[in-house]
């Protein structure tokens, strides 16, 4: 069973494109410190790879596009 967040992202994609972005590569948080920091740590630890996505509704320490 997939999460509602994942389904809302891929709902209009062709089935063949969903295999490129499997739900296992997607993690959603309501609140987190920084999505970039979490992804960087997971990449360094070998827990994430190509097409990995960390999404959040709110970041407490995120830098965003403004630095």
Protein backbone atom coordinates (compact mmCIF):
# COMPACT_ATOMS: atom_id res chain seq x y z
CA UNK A 1 0.00 0.00 0.00
CA UNK A 2 1.45 3.35 -0.95
CA UNK A 3 1.41 6.54 1.05
CA UNK A 4 -0.99 9.35 0.11
CA UNK A 5 1.95 11.70 -0.41
CA UNK A 6 3.61 9.37 -2.91
CA UNK A 7 0.32 8.74 -4.72
CA UNK A 8 -0.33 12.48 -5.06
CA UNK A 9 3.07 12.96 -6.74
CA UNK A 10 2.83 10.11 -9.25
CA UNK A 11 -0.92 9.91 -9.89
CA UNK A 12 -0.75 11.44 -13.38
CA UNK A 13 2.47 9.69 -14.45
CA UNK A 14 2.44 6.82 -16.95
CA UNK A 15 3.01 3.46 -15.24
CA UNK A 16 6.38 3.04 -16.99
CA UNK A 17 7.69 6.24 -15.33
CA UNK A 18 6.66 5.13 -11.86
CA UNK A 19 9.32 2.42 -11.93
CA UNK A 20 11.99 5.10 -12.21
CA UNK A 21 10.69 6.69 -9.01
CA UNK A 22 9.62 3.80 -6.77
CA UNK A 23 8.00 4.54 -3.44
CA UNK A 24 11.03 3.04 -1.70
CA UNK A 25 13.05 6.05 -2.94
CA UNK A 26 10.57 8.51 -1.42
CA UNK A 27 10.35 9.61 2.20
CA UNK A 28 7.94 12.21 3.53
CA UNK A 29 8.06 14.14 6.81
CA UNK A 30 5.50 16.57 8.16
CA UNK A 31 8.36 18.44 9.86
CA UNK A 32 12.12 17.91 9.65
CA UNK A 33 15.27 19.91 10.17
CA UNK A 34 16.50 20.06 6.56
CA UNK A 35 15.62 17.78 3.65
CA UNK A 36 19.02 18.46 2.07
CA UNK A 37 20.87 17.45 5.23
CA UNK A 38 18.85 14.24 5.61
CA UNK A 39 19.43 13.28 1.98
CA UNK A 40 23.16 14.06 2.16
CA UNK A 41 23.53 11.91 5.30
CA UNK A 42 21.65 9.03 3.68
CA UNK A 43 23.73 9.26 0.51
CA UNK A 44 26.95 9.20 2.53
CA UNK A 45 25.69 6.21 4.52
CA UNK A 46 24.67 4.29 1.41
CA UNK A 47 20.98 4.42 2.38
CA UNK A 48 19.93 6.52 -0.62
CA UNK A 49 20.74 6.54 -4.29
CA UNK A 50 19.63 7.86 -7.63
CA UNK A 51 16.12 9.31 -7.65
CA UNK A 52 15.93 9.43 -3.83
CA UNK A 53 13.61 12.15 -2.60
CA UNK A 54 13.10 13.61 0.85
CA UNK A 55 9.98 15.79 1.10
CA UNK A 56 8.58 17.80 4.00
CA UNK A 57 5.76 20.20 4.62
CA UNK A 58 7.92 22.21 7.02
CA UNK A 59 11.66 22.53 7.67
CA UNK A 60 13.04 23.96 10.90
CA UNK A 61 16.61 24.47 9.65
CA UNK A 62 16.20 24.33 5.88
CA UNK A 63 18.15 26.87 3.84
CA UNK A 64 15.96 26.76 0.77
CA UNK A 65 16.85 28.90 -2.21
CA UNK A 66 17.72 31.97 -0.16
CA UNK A 67 20.78 30.56 1.63
